Amino acid sequence: MAEAFVRTLKRDYVRVNPRPNAQSVIDQLPGWFDHYKEVHPHRALRYRSPREFIAQTREALSGL
């Protein structure tokens, strides 16, 4: 699981953002993590973000 996360982080965030030095990457990490949790679609979640999946699951469970 960690390998998939690292691969996604490198593919979808590191390669497409400016990274003139290590500090610039470290400074961008919190934003990348937030985007990954809030917006980025995940195949295992049927192309929903984790936050969207959690919200829909809670909604479905509350209707039971």
PDB file of N, CA and C in Angstrom:
ATOM      1  N   MET A   1       0.822  -1.180   0.000  1.00  0.00           N
ATOM      2  CA  MET A   1       0.000   0.000   0.000  1.00  0.00           C
ATOM      3  C   MET A   1       0.876   1.258   0.000  1.00  0.00           C
ATOM      4  N   ALA A   2       1.916   1.251   0.799  1.00  0.00           N
ATOM      5  CA  ALA A   2       2.802   2.415   0.863  1.00  0.00           C
ATOM      6  C   ALA A   2       3.497   2.646  -0.479  1.00  0.00           C
ATOM      7  N   GLU A   3       3.851   1.555  -1.155  1.00  0.00           N
ATOM      8  CA  GLU A   3       4.506   1.700  -2.454  1.00  0.00           C
ATOM      9  C   GLU A   3       3.582   2.373  -3.455  1.00  0.00           C
ATOM     10  N   ALA A   4       2.314   2.021  -3.442  1.00  0.00           N
ATOM     11  CA  ALA A   4       1.349   2.639  -4.349  1.00  0.00           C
ATOM     12  C   ALA A   4       1.196   4.123  -4.036  1.00  0.00           C
ATOM     13  N   PHE A   5       1.158   4.471  -2.750  1.00  0.00           N
ATOM     14  CA  PHE A   5       1.037   5.880  -2.368  1.00  0.00           C
ATOM     15  C   PHE A   5       2.250   6.675  -2.845  1.00  0.00           C
ATOM     16  N   VAL A   6       3.444   6.137  -2.629  1.00  0.00           N
ATOM     17  CA  VAL A   6       4.666   6.833  -3.045  1.00  0.00           C
ATOM     18  C   VAL A   6       4.683   6.994  -4.558  1.00  0.00           C
ATOM     19  N   ARG A   7       4.292   5.955  -5.286  1.00  0.00           N
ATOM     20  CA  ARG A   7       4.258   6.020  -6.746  1.00  0.00           C
ATOM     21  C   ARG A   7       3.268   7.098  -7.202  1.00  0.00           C
ATOM     22  N   THR A   8       2.104   7.154  -6.584  1.00  0.00           N
ATOM     23  CA  THR A   8       1.111   8.173  -6.931  1.00  0.00           C
ATOM     24  C   THR A   8       1.617   9.562  -6.592  1.00  0.00           C
ATOM     25  N   LEU A   9       2.214   9.720  -5.441  1.00  0.00           N
ATOM     26  CA  LEU A   9       2.748  11.022  -5.038  1.00  0.00           C
ATOM     27  C   LEU A   9       3.794  11.504  -6.031  1.00  0.00           C
ATOM     28  N   LYS A  10       4.692  10.621  -6.420  1.00  0.00           N
ATOM     29  CA  LYS A  10       5.726  11.000  -7.381  1.00  0.00           C
ATOM     30  C   LYS A  10       5.131  11.325  -8.745  1.00  0.00           C
ATOM     31  N   ARG A  11       4.191  10.489  -9.211  1.00  0.00           N
ATOM     32  CA  ARG A  11       3.617  10.653 -10.548  1.00  0.00           C
ATOM     33  C   ARG A  11       2.723  11.886 -10.639  1.00  0.00           C
ATOM     34  N   ASP A  12       1.845  12.076  -9.650  1.00  0.00           N
ATOM     35  CA  ASP A  12       0.814  13.105  -9.765  1.00  0.00           C
ATOM     36  C   ASP A  12       1.152  14.438  -9.111  1.00  0.00           C
ATOM     37  N   TYR A  13       2.184  14.469  -8.310  1.00  0.00           N
ATOM     38  CA  TYR A  13       2.502  15.709  -7.612  1.00  0.00           C
ATOM     39  C   TYR A  13       3.943  16.164  -7.847  1.00  0.00           C
ATOM     40  N   VAL A  14       4.898  15.321  -7.556  1.00  0.00           N
ATOM     41  CA  VAL A  14       6.300  15.738  -7.639  1.00  0.00           C
ATOM     42  C   VAL A  14       6.694  16.079  -9.066  1.00  0.00           C
ATOM     43  N   ARG A  15       6.342  15.227 -10.008  1.00  0.00           N
ATOM     44  CA  ARG A  15       6.776  15.436 -11.397  1.00  0.00           C
ATOM     45  C   ARG A  15       6.147  16.638 -12.064  1.00  0.00           C
ATOM     46  N   VAL A  16       5.005  17.098 -11.601  1.00  0.00           N
ATOM     47  CA  VAL A  16       4.298  18.189 -12.278  1.00  0.00           C
ATOM     48  C   VAL A  16       4.395  19.531 -11.554  1.00  0.00           C
ATOM     49  N   ASN A  17       5.134  19.575 -10.466  1.00  0.00           N
ATOM     50  CA  ASN A  17       5.301  20.822  -9.715  1.00  0.00           C
ATOM     51  C   ASN A  17       6.761  21.228  -9.702  1.00  0.00           C
ATOM     52  N   PRO A  18       7.008  22.542  -9.611  1.00  0.00           N
ATOM     53  CA  PRO A  18       8.403  22.994  -9.538  1.00  0.00           C
ATOM     54  C   PRO A  18       9.077  22.455  -8.276  1.00  0.00           C
ATOM     55  N   ARG A  19      10.307  22.023  -8.425  1.00  0.00           N
ATOM     56  CA  ARG A  19      11.064  21.488  -7.292  1.00  0.00           C
ATOM     57  C   ARG A  19      12.539  21.846  -7.431  1.00  0.00           C
ATOM     58  N   PRO A  20      12.840  23.128  -7.281  1.00  0.00           N
ATOM     59  CA  PRO A  20      14.229  23.559  -7.453  1.00  0.00           C
ATOM     60  C   PRO A  20      15.184  23.018  -6.385  1.00  0.00           C
ATOM     61  N   ASN A  21      14.633  22.634  -5.224  1.00  0.00           N
ATOM     62  CA  ASN A  21      15.470  22.079  -4.165  1.00  0.00           C
ATOM     63  C   ASN A  21      14.593  21.264  -3.216  1.00  0.00           C
ATOM     64  N   ALA A  22      15.244  20.574  -2.315  1.00  0.00           N
ATOM     65  CA  ALA A  22      14.523  19.692  -1.394  1.00  0.00           C
ATOM     66  C   ALA A  22      13.565  20.474  -0.497  1.00  0.00           C
ATOM     67  N   GLN A  23      13.959  21.652  -0.066  1.00  0.00           N
ATOM     68  CA  GLN A  23      13.106  22.443   0.815  1.00  0.00           C
ATOM     69  C   GLN A  23      11.805  22.828   0.131  1.00  0.00           C
ATOM     70  N   SER A  24      11.854  23.118  -1.157  1.00  0.00           N
ATOM     71  CA  SER A  24      10.617  23.475  -1.862  1.00  0.00           C
ATOM     72  C   SER A  24       9.652  22.290  -1.901  1.00  0.00           C
ATOM     73  N   VAL A  25      10.169  21.086  -2.036  1.00  0.00           N
ATOM     74  CA  VAL A  25       9.324  19.890  -2.021  1.00  0.00           C
ATOM     75  C   VAL A  25       8.721  19.702  -0.636  1.00  0.00           C
ATOM     76  N   ILE A  26       9.531  19.829   0.389  1.00  0.00           N
ATOM     77  CA  ILE A  26       9.052  19.680   1.765  1.00  0.00           C
ATOM     78  C   ILE A  26       7.958  20.706   2.068  1.00  0.00           C
ATOM     79  N   ASP A  27       8.131  21.933   1.567  1.00  0.00           N
ATOM     80  CA  ASP A  27       7.139  22.983   1.795  1.00  0.00           C
ATOM     81  C   ASP A  27       5.817  22.694   1.090  1.00  0.00           C
ATOM     82  N   GLN A  28       5.872  21.986  -0.034  1.00  0.00           N
ATOM     83  CA  GLN A  28       4.661  21.684  -0.800  1.00  0.00           C
ATOM     84  C   GLN A  28       3.924  20.438  -0.309  1.00  0.00           C
ATOM     85  N   LEU A  29       4.581  19.593   0.459  1.00  0.00           N
ATOM     86  CA  LEU A  29       3.985  18.328   0.891  1.00  0.00           C
ATOM     87  C   LEU A  29       2.621  18.474   1.589  1.00  0.00           C
ATOM     88  N   PRO A  30       2.452  19.394   2.545  1.00  0.00           N
ATOM     89  CA  PRO A  30       1.134  19.490   3.201  1.00  0.00           C
ATOM     90  C   PRO A  30      -0.008  19.742   2.210  1.00  0.00           C
ATOM     91  N   GLY A  31       0.215  20.593   1.236  1.00  0.00           N
ATOM     92  CA  GLY A  31      -0.807  20.859   0.223  1.00  0.00           C
ATOM     93  C   GLY A  31      -1.093  19.644  -0.635  1.00  0.00           C
ATOM     94  N   TRP A  32      -0.044  18.919  -0.985  1.00  0.00           N
ATOM     95  CA  TRP A  32      -0.211  17.702  -1.786  1.00  0.00           C
ATOM     96  C   TRP A  32      -0.997  16.653  -1.005  1.00  0.00           C
ATOM     97  N   PHE A  33      -0.681  16.489   0.265  1.00  0.00           N
ATOM     98  CA  PHE A  33      -1.403  15.518   1.092  1.00  0.00           C
ATOM     99  C   PHE A  33      -2.880  15.897   1.211  1.00  0.00           C
ATOM    100  N   ASP A  34      -3.151  17.189   1.429  1.00  0.00           N
ATOM    101  CA  ASP A  34      -4.539  17.643   1.524  1.00  0.00           C
ATOM    102  C   ASP A  34      -5.286  17.355   0.222  1.00  0.00           C
ATOM    103  N   HIS A  35      -4.655  17.660  -0.895  1.00  0.00           N
ATOM    104  CA  HIS A  35      -5.283  17.399  -2.194  1.00  0.00           C
ATOM    105  C   HIS A  35      -5.540  15.910  -2.375  1.00  0.00           C
ATOM    106  N   TYR A  36      -4.577  15.086  -1.990  1.00  0.00           N
ATOM    107  CA  TYR A  36      -4.700  13.634  -2.122  1.00  0.00           C
ATOM    108  C   TYR A  36      -5.893  13.117  -1.324  1.00  0.00           C
ATOM    109  N   LYS A  37      -6.109  13.680  -0.133  1.00  0.00           N
ATOM    110  CA  LYS A  37      -7.208  13.231   0.729  1.00  0.00           C
ATOM    111  C   LYS A  37      -8.552  13.830   0.333  1.00  0.00           C
ATOM    112  N   GLU A  38      -8.547  15.055  -0.160  1.00  0.00           N
ATOM    113  CA  GLU A  38      -9.782  15.777  -0.397  1.00  0.00           C
ATOM    114  C   GLU A  38     -10.305  15.673  -1.830  1.00  0.00           C
ATOM    115  N   VAL A  39      -9.422  15.588  -2.811  1.00  0.00           N
ATOM    116  CA  VAL A  39      -9.831  15.742  -4.198  1.00  0.00           C
ATOM    117  C   VAL A  39      -9.427  14.563  -5.082  1.00  0.00           C
ATOM    118  N   HIS A  40      -8.240  14.056  -4.898  1.00  0.00           N
ATOM    119  CA  HIS A  40      -7.669  13.050  -5.799  1.00  0.00           C
ATOM    120  C   HIS A  40      -8.522  11.784  -5.844  1.00  0.00           C
ATOM    121  N   PRO A  41      -8.945  11.352  -7.047  1.00  0.00           N
ATOM    122  CA  PRO A  41      -9.750  10.131  -7.142  1.00  0.00           C
ATOM    123  C   PRO A  41      -8.902   8.881  -6.915  1.00  0.00           C
ATOM    124  N   HIS A  42      -9.475   7.906  -6.223  1.00  0.00           N
ATOM    125  CA  HIS A  42      -8.784   6.649  -5.928  1.00  0.00           C
ATOM    126  C   HIS A  42      -9.550   5.506  -6.590  1.00  0.00           C
ATOM    127  N   ARG A  43      -8.835   4.694  -7.340  1.00  0.00           N
ATOM    128  CA  ARG A  43      -9.472   3.589  -8.047  1.00  0.00           C
ATOM    129  C   ARG A  43     -10.177   2.639  -7.079  1.00  0.00           C
ATOM    130  N   ALA A  44      -9.549   2.329  -5.962  1.00  0.00           N
ATOM    131  CA  ALA A  44     -10.132   1.401  -4.991  1.00  0.00           C
ATOM    132  C   ALA A  44     -11.418   1.951  -4.369  1.00  0.00           C
ATOM    133  N   LEU A  45     -11.623   3.245  -4.440  1.00  0.00           N
ATOM    134  CA  LEU A  45     -12.827   3.872  -3.898  1.00  0.00           C
ATOM    135  C   LEU A  45     -13.795   4.251  -5.015  1.00  0.00           C
ATOM    136  N   ARG A  46     -13.677   3.550  -6.134  1.00  0.00           N
ATOM    137  CA  ARG A  46     -14.508   3.799  -7.323  1.00  0.00           C
ATOM    138  C   ARG A  46     -14.363   5.238  -7.800  1.00  0.00           C
ATOM    139  N   TYR A  47     -13.114   5.690  -7.840  1.00  0.00           N
ATOM    140  CA  TYR A  47     -12.727   7.007  -8.354  1.00  0.00           C
ATOM    141  C   TYR A  47     -13.356   8.154  -7.576  1.00  0.00           C
ATOM    142  N   ARG A  48     -13.441   7.956  -6.262  1.00  0.00           N
ATOM    143  CA  ARG A  48     -13.840   9.025  -5.364  1.00  0.00           C
ATOM    144  C   ARG A  48     -12.652   9.348  -4.469  1.00  0.00           C
ATOM    145  N   SER A  49     -12.643  10.554  -3.935  1.00  0.00           N
ATOM    146  CA  SER A  49     -11.603  10.899  -2.967  1.00  0.00           C
ATOM    147  C   SER A  49     -11.937  10.222  -1.647  1.00  0.00           C
ATOM    148  N   PRO A  50     -10.956  10.041  -0.766  1.00  0.00           N
ATOM    149  CA  PRO A  50     -11.259   9.445   0.538  1.00  0.00           C
ATOM    150  C   PRO A  50     -12.324  10.221   1.305  1.00  0.00           C
ATOM    151  N   ARG A  51     -12.267  11.531   1.282  1.00  0.00           N
ATOM    152  CA  ARG A  51     -13.270  12.335   2.004  1.00  0.00           C
ATOM    153  C   ARG A  51     -14.657  12.124   1.409  1.00  0.00           C
ATOM    154  N   GLU A  52     -14.735  12.064   0.084  1.00  0.00           N
ATOM    155  CA  GLU A  52     -16.017  11.837  -0.576  1.00  0.00           C
ATOM    156  C   GLU A  52     -16.551  10.444  -0.241  1.00  0.00           C
ATOM    157  N   PHE A  53     -15.687   9.458  -0.242  1.00  0.00           N
ATOM    158  CA  PHE A  53     -16.078   8.087   0.087  1.00  0.00           C
ATOM    159  C   PHE A  53     -16.607   7.998   1.515  1.00  0.00           C
ATOM    160  N   ILE A  54     -15.900   8.616   2.452  1.00  0.00           N
ATOM    161  CA  ILE A  54     -16.320   8.602   3.853  1.00  0.00           C
ATOM    162  C   ILE A  54     -17.681   9.280   4.014  1.00  0.00           C
ATOM    163  N   ALA A  55     -17.850  10.427   3.363  1.00  0.00           N
ATOM    164  CA  ALA A  55     -19.117  11.149   3.470  1.00  0.00           C
ATOM    165  C   ALA A  55     -20.266  10.318   2.901  1.00  0.00           C
ATOM    166  N   GLN A  56     -20.064   9.688   1.763  1.00  0.00           N
ATOM    167  CA  GLN A  56     -21.120   8.883   1.157  1.00  0.00           C
ATOM    168  C   GLN A  56     -21.414   7.638   1.988  1.00  0.00           C
ATOM    169  N   THR A  57     -20.390   7.053   2.576  1.00  0.00           N
ATOM    170  CA  THR A  57     -20.588   5.874   3.414  1.00  0.00           C
ATOM    171  C   THR A  57     -21.384   6.232   4.664  1.00  0.00           C
ATOM    172  N   ARG A  58     -21.039   7.348   5.281  1.00  0.00           N
ATOM    173  CA  ARG A  58     -21.785   7.810   6.464  1.00  0.00           C
ATOM    174  C   ARG A  58     -23.238   8.083   6.118  1.00  0.00           C
ATOM    175  N   GLU A  59     -23.448   8.717   4.975  1.00  0.00           N
ATOM    176  CA  GLU A  59     -24.808   9.032   4.537  1.00  0.00           C
ATOM    177  C   GLU A  59     -25.611   7.756   4.315  1.00  0.00           C
ATOM    178  N   ALA A  60     -24.993   6.771   3.688  1.00  0.00           N
ATOM    179  CA  ALA A  60     -25.669   5.508   3.419  1.00  0.00           C
ATOM    180  C   ALA A  60     -25.983   4.786   4.729  1.00  0.00           C
ATOM    181  N   LEU A  61     -25.048   4.806   5.662  1.00  0.00           N
ATOM    182  CA  LEU A  61     -25.266   4.133   6.933  1.00  0.00           C
ATOM    183  C   LEU A  61     -26.305   4.820   7.797  1.00  0.00           C
ATOM    184  N   SER A  62     -26.389   6.125   7.686  1.00  0.00           N
ATOM    185  CA  SER A  62     -27.374   6.855   8.492  1.00  0.00           C
ATOM    186  C   SER A  62     -28.797   6.598   7.999  1.00  0.00           C
ATOM    187  N   GLY A  63     -28.931   6.190   6.745  1.00  0.00           N
ATOM    188  CA  GLY A  63     -30.251   5.906   6.193  1.00  0.00           C
ATOM    189  C   GLY A  63     -30.735   4.501   6.481  1.00  0.00           C
ATOM    190  N   LEU A  64     -29.905   3.694   7.139  1.00  0.00           N
ATOM    191  CA  LEU A  64     -30.315   2.324   7.440  1.00  0.00           C
ATOM    192  C   LEU A  64     -31.305   2.248   8.563  1.00  0.00           C
TER     193      LEU A  64
END
